[in-house]
Amino acid sequence: MSGLKKDLGLWQGMGLLATSLLGTGIFVVPATAASLAGGASLWAWVLLIVLVLPIAFTFARLGRRYPHAGGAPHLIGLAFGNGAERFSAFLFLAVLPVGLPAALTIAAGFWHALFDMGEWTLWAIQLLTLLGVFLLGLRGARSSGNLQLLIALAILGLTLLIWFKGDLGWRDGAQPLPTAAEWPAMGTALAVMFWCFVGLEAFAHMGEEFKRPERDYPLALLGGVLLAGLIYWVHSLVVLKYGLYGDEATNATAIPALLSLLFGPTAKWLVAVLGYLSCFASINIYLQGFARLIWSMAREGKLPASLSRLSARGAPLNALCWVLAICLVSITLILWLKLPLDELIRYANGNFVLVYLLCMAAGWRLLGGMGKGLAGVSVLLCAAVLVALASQVLYAVVLSAGYGCFSLWRRRRRRTRATENICAIK
């Protein structure tokens, strides 16, 4: 069976990852972090990047050694067996009906800020967004990489404009070291800021499509993390300088308010276009990653063979259609039933951290030398974040318990059937 087309280069990879990490967070998280930790939030960003680097290095080493469309679940399976692979794939895919519809809703909301739209008009925009993902998916990973590289450059260009137009200098970033009294607030801010770097696990599914994965995959991953971190830091700096933070409403409109202040009333169009494209980039890499996970499992006989069909350009066509169909059903049900989406998303966050934790544990088992040490540090970091989530882990715990009960029932059923067959033969 033919594999995915290898047509991703270093710059396309960096664009894919950087835009997936920025997503919607670039418009909200800098102001939220400033409201929680004040000037110390600038140090919190630096600390967060330092803490995330061991995870990024571990993903980079694993991706260089084991490039595979199965991504994190495949790596977990290599370390702990097929059962662990199926469980982690289940956790990852369980986010699809909740997390992706939320991102689609946020993306459509940028146009709602410009035009008066009803619920079903916003649903139509979400549908068109899914169509855009489908068309990009048909063309292969390189097209997604090229588009998201352009989006990343546009966001970087906007960041440079903000820097110069906002009369920023490095002296503005010269914050004193945080005092002992500020550390608790920094910890709270870090818990929020961590979600800006959720996206590495989706990028892991693209490793098989790099032309030179042993060189370009780790460089793209580390470059994307550092680029996204720098952009977040600059946006936090300007939010602090202009005092555009405070309550939830102020935080949500901080960047639009800043752009209106710097560039006038036409800035609302800039916010709408870049905001939508940033959301689209994040949605695209997740949906393409989900499709590649399903395709790889079908290729290995763990899912129906029909899901392993590739397009003429070497893209996982059937798997992508299946993923998009689930999204379409989800956004329709969420609109119809008016489900409390924000709550469900918060609980779904535990899934990502649990997959991170399992993948870092796999790295500790599969890697040697410095890689093993970095993976060990990453395990401790992910475990600390998981504990800090408290009740937000409930969704992951319920899913894990349900999956465990189902697996136990299926195992007992197989044993019963095997015993009955033996008795029938006798």
Protein backbone atom coordinates (compact mmCIF):
# COMPACT_ATOMS: atom_id res chain seq x y z
CA MET A 1 0.00 0.00 0.00
CA SER A 2 1.40 3.43 -0.94
CA GLY A 3 2.19 5.90 1.81
CA LEU A 4 1.55 9.60 2.31
CA LYS A 5 3.31 11.95 -0.08
CA LYS A 6 6.56 13.35 1.36
CA ASP A 7 6.45 16.99 0.32
CA LEU A 8 6.84 19.04 3.52
CA GLY A 9 9.94 21.19 3.95
CA LEU A 10 11.39 23.04 6.93
CA TRP A 11 9.57 26.34 6.37
CA GLN A 12 6.18 24.75 5.69
CA GLY A 13 6.61 22.72 8.89
CA MET A 14 7.43 25.82 10.93
CA GLY A 15 4.39 27.59 9.49
CA LEU A 16 2.12 24.65 10.31
CA LEU A 17 3.26 24.44 13.93
CA ALA A 18 3.55 28.17 14.70
CA THR A 19 0.02 28.92 13.44
CA SER A 20 -1.43 25.92 15.28
CA LEU A 21 0.12 27.17 18.55
CA LEU A 22 -1.04 30.75 18.02
CA GLY A 23 -4.61 29.87 17.00
CA THR A 24 -7.16 31.91 18.95
CA GLY A 25 -4.83 32.27 21.92
CA ILE A 26 -2.92 35.21 20.47
CA PHE A 27 -6.04 37.40 20.79
CA VAL A 28 -6.92 36.52 24.39
CA VAL A 29 -4.15 34.84 26.41
CA PRO A 30 -1.61 37.73 26.63
CA ALA A 31 -4.23 39.98 28.25
CA THR A 32 -5.50 37.16 30.48
CA ALA A 33 -1.95 36.44 31.66
CA ALA A 34 -1.38 40.15 32.34
CA SER A 35 -4.57 40.37 34.40
CA LEU A 36 -3.44 37.38 36.49
CA ALA A 37 0.25 38.21 37.01
CA GLY A 38 0.79 41.82 35.90
CA GLY A 39 4.33 42.61 34.77
CA ALA A 40 5.49 39.23 36.06
CA SER A 41 3.60 37.64 33.14
CA LEU A 42 6.56 38.55 30.89
CA TRP A 43 8.78 36.37 33.07
CA ALA A 44 6.04 33.73 33.06
CA TRP A 45 6.26 33.53 29.24
CA VAL A 46 10.03 33.05 29.42
CA LEU A 47 9.62 30.39 32.10
CA LEU A 48 6.89 28.63 30.13
CA ILE A 49 9.05 28.43 26.99
CA VAL A 50 11.91 27.00 29.07
CA LEU A 51 9.53 24.41 30.58
CA VAL A 52 7.98 23.51 27.21
CA LEU A 53 11.35 23.05 25.50
CA PRO A 54 12.00 19.61 27.11
CA ILE A 55 8.61 18.45 25.76
CA ALA A 56 9.43 19.93 22.34
CA PHE A 57 12.89 18.32 22.33
CA THR A 58 11.35 14.97 23.26
CA PHE A 59 8.78 15.21 20.46
CA ALA A 60 11.58 16.27 18.09
CA ARG A 61 13.78 13.28 18.98
CA LEU A 62 10.86 10.85 18.74
CA GLY A 63 9.69 12.33 15.44
CA ARG A 64 13.19 12.15 13.97
CA ARG A 65 13.64 8.52 14.98
CA TYR A 66 10.05 7.29 14.42
CA PRO A 67 8.35 9.49 11.76
CA HIS A 68 4.81 8.13 11.44
CA ALA A 69 1.34 9.46 10.58
CA GLY A 70 0.02 7.79 13.74
CA GLY A 71 1.70 10.54 15.77
CA ALA A 72 1.58 10.37 19.56
CA PRO A 73 -0.61 7.20 19.79
CA HIS A 74 1.84 5.34 17.51
CA LEU A 75 4.77 6.35 19.73
CA ILE A 76 2.86 5.28 22.84
CA GLY A 77 2.09 1.96 21.14
CA LEU A 78 5.77 1.37 20.35
CA ALA A 79 6.61 1.82 24.03
CA PHE A 80 3.67 0.17 25.79
CA GLY A 81 1.88 -2.05 23.24
CA ASN A 82 -1.23 -2.00 21.07
CA GLY A 83 -3.62 -1.56 24.00
CA ALA A 84 -1.94 1.70 25.03
CA GLU A 85 -1.94 2.87 21.40
CA ARG A 86 -5.69 2.27 21.06
CA PHE A 87 -6.38 3.97 24.39
CA SER A 88 -4.35 7.10 23.55
CA ALA A 89 -5.90 7.27 20.06
CA PHE A 90 -9.33 7.07 21.70
CA LEU A 91 -8.44 9.93 24.09
CA PHE A 92 -7.15 12.04 21.20
CA LEU A 93 -10.15 11.40 18.95
CA ALA A 94 -12.60 11.98 21.83
CA VAL A 95 -11.72 15.69 21.67
CA LEU A 96 -12.99 15.89 18.07
CA PRO A 97 -16.75 16.26 18.80
CA VAL A 98 -16.11 19.01 21.39
CA GLY A 99 -12.88 20.92 20.82
CA LEU A 100 -13.07 21.40 17.06
CA PRO A 101 -16.68 22.72 17.03
CA ALA A 102 -15.60 25.27 19.64
CA ALA A 103 -12.74 26.45 17.45
CA LEU A 104 -15.12 26.65 14.48
CA THR A 105 -17.53 28.76 16.55
CA ILE A 106 -14.73 31.14 17.58
CA ALA A 107 -13.54 31.43 13.96
CA ALA A 108 -17.04 32.30 12.74
CA GLY A 109 -17.34 34.80 15.59
CA PHE A 110 -14.70 37.05 14.01
CA TRP A 111 -17.10 37.69 11.11
CA HIS A 112 -19.99 38.11 13.55
CA ALA A 113 -18.10 41.10 14.98
CA LEU A 114 -18.34 42.78 11.55
CA PHE A 115 -21.81 41.76 10.41
CA ASP A 116 -25.09 41.08 12.17
CA MET A 117 -25.53 37.32 11.74
CA GLY A 118 -27.99 34.76 13.01
CA GLU A 119 -27.07 31.36 14.44
CA TRP A 120 -27.63 29.47 11.20
CA THR A 121 -25.57 32.00 9.21
CA LEU A 122 -22.70 31.36 11.60
CA TRP A 123 -23.31 27.62 11.12
CA ALA A 124 -22.98 28.17 7.34
CA ILE A 125 -19.62 29.92 7.88
CA GLN A 126 -18.46 26.94 9.94
CA LEU A 127 -19.57 24.65 7.11
CA LEU A 128 -17.58 26.72 4.59
CA THR A 129 -14.56 26.49 6.91
CA LEU A 130 -14.83 22.69 6.88
CA LEU A 131 -15.08 22.83 3.08
CA GLY A 132 -11.86 24.86 3.01
CA VAL A 133 -10.12 22.22 5.15
CA PHE A 134 -11.40 19.51 2.78
CA LEU A 135 -10.09 21.30 -0.32
CA LEU A 136 -6.70 21.84 1.31
CA GLY A 137 -6.66 18.21 2.41
CA LEU A 138 -7.19 17.05 -1.17
CA ARG A 139 -4.05 18.91 -2.25
CA GLY A 140 -1.79 17.35 0.36
CA ALA A 141 0.31 18.56 3.27
CA ARG A 142 2.48 20.94 1.23
CA SER A 143 -0.51 23.14 0.32
CA SER A 144 -1.51 23.36 4.00
CA GLY A 145 2.09 24.13 4.90
CA ASN A 146 2.40 26.90 2.30
CA LEU A 147 -0.88 28.54 3.35
CA GLN A 148 -0.07 28.37 7.05
CA LEU A 149 3.43 29.70 6.43
CA LEU A 150 1.81 32.76 4.80
CA ILE A 151 -0.55 33.12 7.79
CA ALA A 152 2.41 32.86 10.19
CA LEU A 153 4.28 35.55 8.21
CA ALA A 154 1.18 37.78 8.27
CA ILE A 155 0.91 37.44 12.07
CA LEU A 156 4.65 38.08 12.40
CA GLY A 157 4.27 41.16 10.17
CA LEU A 158 1.42 42.41 12.35
CA THR A 159 3.58 41.85 15.44
CA LEU A 160 6.40 43.93 13.92
CA LEU A 161 3.91 46.69 13.02
CA ILE A 162 2.63 46.70 16.60
CA TRP A 163 6.21 46.87 17.89
CA PHE A 164 7.15 49.94 15.81
CA LYS A 165 3.76 51.71 15.76
CA GLY A 166 3.34 51.14 19.48
CA ASP A 167 6.76 52.70 20.13
CA LEU A 168 7.98 49.65 21.99
CA GLY A 169 11.58 49.16 23.07
CA TRP A 170 13.50 46.51 24.91
CA ARG A 171 13.44 48.76 27.99
CA ASP A 172 9.67 48.19 28.17
CA GLY A 173 10.39 44.50 28.64
CA ALA A 174 12.96 45.05 31.39
CA GLN A 175 10.71 43.87 34.21
CA PRO A 176 12.28 43.22 37.64
CA LEU A 177 12.56 39.62 38.71
CA PRO A 178 9.31 38.37 40.31
CA THR A 179 9.16 38.54 44.08
CA ALA A 180 8.11 35.66 46.33
CA ALA A 181 4.65 37.25 46.64
CA GLU A 182 4.22 37.19 42.84
CA TRP A 183 5.03 33.50 42.33
CA PRO A 184 1.52 32.19 43.18
CA ALA A 185 -0.01 34.57 40.61
CA MET A 186 2.62 33.47 38.08
CA GLY A 187 1.66 29.85 38.72
CA THR A 188 -1.99 30.63 37.99
CA ALA A 189 -1.01 32.48 34.82
CA LEU A 190 1.22 29.60 33.71
CA ALA A 191 -1.70 27.17 33.99
CA VAL A 192 -3.65 29.33 31.52
CA MET A 193 -0.67 30.01 29.26
CA PHE A 194 0.21 26.31 28.94
CA TRP A 195 -2.70 25.85 26.52
CA CYS A 196 -0.92 28.09 24.01
CA PHE A 197 1.53 25.23 23.50
CA VAL A 198 -1.03 22.48 23.11
CA GLY A 199 -0.64 21.50 19.46
CA LEU A 200 2.64 19.60 19.45
CA GLU A 201 0.73 16.31 19.52
CA ALA A 202 -1.21 17.26 16.38
CA PHE A 203 2.01 18.23 14.59
CA ALA A 204 3.44 14.78 15.41
CA HIS A 205 1.07 13.27 12.82
CA MET A 206 2.81 15.22 10.04
CA GLY A 207 6.27 13.67 10.61
CA GLU A 208 5.85 11.03 7.89
CA GLU A 209 5.24 13.72 5.24
CA PHE A 210 8.54 15.58 5.62
CA LYS A 211 11.00 15.16 2.77
CA ARG A 212 13.84 14.83 5.29
CA PRO A 213 12.18 14.06 8.64
CA GLU A 214 15.47 13.27 10.40
CA ARG A 215 16.62 16.88 9.84
CA ASP A 216 13.61 19.09 9.08
CA TYR A 217 11.02 17.72 11.55
CA PRO A 218 12.94 18.60 14.77
CA LEU A 219 14.07 21.96 13.36
CA ALA A 220 10.51 22.84 12.29
CA LEU A 221 9.15 21.83 15.69
CA LEU A 222 11.67 23.80 17.74
CA GLY A 223 11.55 26.79 15.36
CA GLY A 224 7.75 26.87 15.50
CA VAL A 225 7.75 26.77 19.32
CA LEU A 226 10.28 29.61 19.61
CA LEU A 227 8.53 31.75 16.96
CA ALA A 228 5.14 31.35 18.65
CA GLY A 229 6.69 32.07 22.06
CA LEU A 230 8.31 35.29 20.79
CA ILE A 231 5.03 36.51 19.26
CA TYR A 232 3.14 35.80 22.50
CA TRP A 233 5.80 37.66 24.51
CA VAL A 234 5.64 40.77 22.28
CA HIS A 235 1.83 40.87 22.42
CA SER A 236 1.97 40.57 26.22
CA LEU A 237 4.49 43.42 26.35
CA VAL A 238 2.27 45.79 24.35
CA VAL A 239 -0.85 44.81 26.32
CA LEU A 240 1.00 45.69 29.54
CA LYS A 241 2.32 49.00 28.17
CA TYR A 242 -1.13 50.22 27.12
CA GLY A 243 -2.98 48.74 30.12
CA LEU A 244 -5.37 46.75 27.92
CA TYR A 245 -6.23 44.07 30.46
CA GLY A 246 -8.50 43.58 33.45
CA ASP A 247 -11.84 41.79 33.47
CA GLU A 248 -12.89 39.04 31.07
CA ALA A 249 -14.56 41.42 28.60
CA THR A 250 -11.50 43.69 28.47
CA ASN A 251 -9.17 40.73 27.96
CA ALA A 252 -11.28 39.37 25.10
CA THR A 253 -11.12 42.69 23.21
CA ALA A 254 -7.54 43.69 24.13
CA ILE A 255 -5.88 43.10 20.73
CA PRO A 256 -8.80 44.54 18.68
CA ALA A 257 -8.79 47.60 20.96
CA LEU A 258 -5.03 47.95 20.56
CA LEU A 259 -5.22 47.74 16.76
CA SER A 260 -8.04 50.31 16.68
CA LEU A 261 -5.89 52.59 18.84
CA LEU A 262 -2.83 52.20 16.60
CA PHE A 263 -4.38 51.92 13.13
CA GLY A 264 -7.83 53.52 13.37
CA PRO A 265 -11.34 52.13 12.68
CA THR A 266 -10.26 50.05 9.66
CA ALA A 267 -8.37 47.81 12.09
CA LYS A 268 -11.55 45.83 12.75
CA TRP A 269 -11.22 44.31 9.27
CA LEU A 270 -7.60 43.41 9.99
CA VAL A 271 -8.67 41.72 13.23
CA ALA A 272 -11.47 39.80 11.51
CA VAL A 273 -9.32 38.52 8.65
CA LEU A 274 -6.23 37.62 10.69
CA GLY A 275 -8.33 36.25 13.54
CA TYR A 276 -10.27 33.99 11.22
CA LEU A 277 -7.14 32.83 9.37
CA SER A 278 -5.34 32.13 12.66
CA CYS A 279 -8.30 30.01 13.82
CA PHE A 280 -8.50 28.31 10.43
CA ALA A 281 -4.82 27.36 10.62
CA SER A 282 -5.28 25.74 14.03
CA ILE A 283 -8.46 23.93 12.91
CA ASN A 284 -6.76 22.72 9.73
CA ILE A 285 -3.75 21.10 11.38
CA TYR A 286 -5.92 19.34 13.97
CA LEU A 287 -8.36 17.96 11.40
CA GLN A 288 -5.53 16.90 9.09
CA GLY A 289 -3.81 15.30 12.10
CA PHE A 290 -6.96 13.42 13.09
CA ALA A 291 -7.30 12.18 9.50
CA ARG A 292 -3.72 10.93 9.45
CA LEU A 293 -4.16 9.10 12.74
CA ILE A 294 -7.25 7.30 11.41
CA TRP A 295 -5.51 6.57 8.09
CA SER A 296 -2.44 5.09 9.79
CA MET A 297 -4.56 2.84 12.02
CA ALA A 298 -6.56 1.68 8.97
CA ARG A 299 -3.32 1.01 7.08
CA GLU A 300 -2.21 -1.28 9.92
CA GLY A 301 -5.54 -3.14 10.00
CA LYS A 302 -6.77 -1.59 13.27
CA LEU A 303 -9.67 0.19 11.52
CA PRO A 304 -11.65 -0.66 8.34
CA ALA A 305 -9.42 -0.79 5.25
CA SER A 306 -11.67 1.67 3.39
CA LEU A 307 -10.32 4.46 5.64
CA SER A 308 -6.79 3.92 4.28
CA ARG A 309 -7.65 5.17 0.77
CA LEU A 310 -5.43 8.00 -0.51
CA SER A 311 -6.22 10.76 -2.99
CA ALA A 312 -4.30 11.21 -6.25
CA ARG A 313 -1.99 13.62 -4.39
CA GLY A 314 -1.29 11.13 -1.60
CA ALA A 315 -3.67 12.60 1.01
CA PRO A 316 -5.88 10.46 3.35
CA LEU A 317 -9.17 11.21 1.57
CA ASN A 318 -11.64 8.81 3.23
CA ALA A 319 -10.27 9.41 6.73
CA LEU A 320 -10.55 13.18 6.26
CA CYS A 321 -14.15 12.85 5.04
CA TRP A 322 -14.99 10.78 8.13
CA VAL A 323 -13.42 13.41 10.43
CA LEU A 324 -15.25 16.27 8.70
CA ALA A 325 -18.55 14.39 8.88
CA ILE A 326 -18.16 14.05 12.67
CA CYS A 327 -17.45 17.79 12.91
CA LEU A 328 -20.51 18.61 10.81
CA VAL A 329 -22.78 16.47 13.00
CA SER A 330 -21.22 17.96 16.15
CA ILE A 331 -21.63 21.62 15.20
CA THR A 332 -25.24 20.94 14.16
CA LEU A 333 -26.10 19.15 17.42
CA ILE A 334 -24.36 21.79 19.53
CA LEU A 335 -26.35 24.55 17.81
CA TRP A 336 -29.62 22.62 18.00
CA LEU A 337 -29.27 21.47 21.62
CA LYS A 338 -27.52 24.69 22.77
CA LEU A 339 -24.95 22.68 24.74
CA PRO A 340 -22.73 24.45 27.34
CA LEU A 341 -19.69 24.30 25.09
CA ASP A 342 -17.25 26.28 27.25
CA GLU A 343 -17.60 23.83 30.13
CA LEU A 344 -17.10 20.79 27.90
CA ILE A 345 -13.97 22.33 26.36
CA ARG A 346 -12.42 22.95 29.77
CA TYR A 347 -12.94 19.33 30.72
CA ALA A 348 -11.60 18.12 27.35
CA ASN A 349 -8.28 19.86 28.08
CA GLY A 350 -7.39 16.98 30.38
CA ASN A 351 -7.30 14.67 27.35
CA PHE A 352 -4.48 16.62 25.75
CA VAL A 353 -2.34 16.68 28.89
CA LEU A 354 -2.93 12.96 29.47
CA VAL A 355 -1.83 12.19 25.88
CA TYR A 356 1.23 14.42 26.43
CA LEU A 357 2.03 12.57 29.65
CA LEU A 358 1.76 9.14 27.99
CA CYS A 359 3.87 10.31 25.03
CA MET A 360 6.60 11.68 27.28
CA ALA A 361 6.57 8.38 29.22
CA ALA A 362 6.97 6.63 25.85
CA GLY A 363 9.94 8.90 25.13
CA TRP A 364 11.53 7.93 28.44
CA ARG A 365 11.20 4.28 27.43
CA LEU A 366 12.23 4.59 23.77
CA LEU A 367 15.05 7.14 23.94
CA GLY A 368 18.48 6.93 25.49
CA GLY A 369 21.07 9.35 26.85
CA MET A 370 20.02 13.00 27.03
CA GLY A 371 16.73 12.22 25.29
CA LYS A 372 15.76 9.92 28.14
CA GLY A 373 16.55 12.62 30.69
CA LEU A 374 14.53 15.26 28.83
CA ALA A 375 11.60 12.86 28.55
CA GLY A 376 11.79 12.20 32.31
CA VAL A 377 11.66 15.94 33.07
CA SER A 378 8.73 16.25 30.65
CA VAL A 379 6.84 13.46 32.43
CA LEU A 380 7.14 15.35 35.72
CA LEU A 381 6.02 18.61 34.09
CA CYS A 382 2.95 17.01 32.45
CA ALA A 383 2.06 15.24 35.71
CA ALA A 384 2.22 18.58 37.57
CA VAL A 385 -0.06 20.23 34.98
CA LEU A 386 -2.47 17.29 35.20
CA VAL A 387 -2.67 17.67 39.00
CA ALA A 388 -3.13 21.45 38.65
CA LEU A 389 -6.14 20.91 36.38
CA ALA A 390 -8.05 19.33 39.30
CA SER A 391 -11.71 18.85 38.35
CA GLN A 392 -11.02 19.67 34.69
CA VAL A 393 -9.52 16.18 34.35
CA LEU A 394 -13.00 14.72 34.97
CA TYR A 395 -13.78 14.28 31.26
CA ALA A 396 -10.54 12.34 30.69
CA VAL A 397 -11.14 10.23 33.83
CA VAL A 398 -14.71 9.34 32.78
CA LEU A 399 -13.55 8.47 29.26
CA SER A 400 -10.68 6.37 30.63
CA ALA A 401 -13.00 4.50 32.99
CA GLY A 402 -15.52 3.90 30.20
CA TYR A 403 -12.80 2.69 27.84
CA GLY A 404 -11.40 0.39 30.55
CA CYS A 405 -14.82 -1.15 31.25
CA PHE A 406 -15.46 -1.67 27.53
CA SER A 407 -12.03 -3.29 27.04
CA LEU A 408 -12.58 -5.59 30.02
CA TRP A 409 -16.02 -6.61 28.72
CA ARG A 410 -14.64 -7.28 25.24
CA ARG A 411 -11.76 -9.36 26.63
CA ARG A 412 -14.11 -11.49 28.73
CA ARG A 413 -16.45 -11.95 25.77
CA ARG A 414 -13.58 -13.18 23.61
CA ARG A 415 -12.50 -15.66 26.30
CA THR A 416 -16.07 -16.94 26.64
CA ARG A 417 -16.34 -17.45 22.88
CA ALA A 418 -12.96 -19.19 22.78
CA THR A 419 -14.03 -21.53 25.59
CA GLU A 420 -17.33 -22.29 23.83
CA ASN A 421 -15.49 -23.06 20.58
CA ILE A 422 -13.11 -25.45 22.37
CA CYS A 423 -16.04 -27.22 24.05
CA ALA A 424 -17.85 -27.49 20.70
CA ILE A 425 -14.78 -29.08 19.09
CA LYS A 426 -14.50 -31.61 21.90
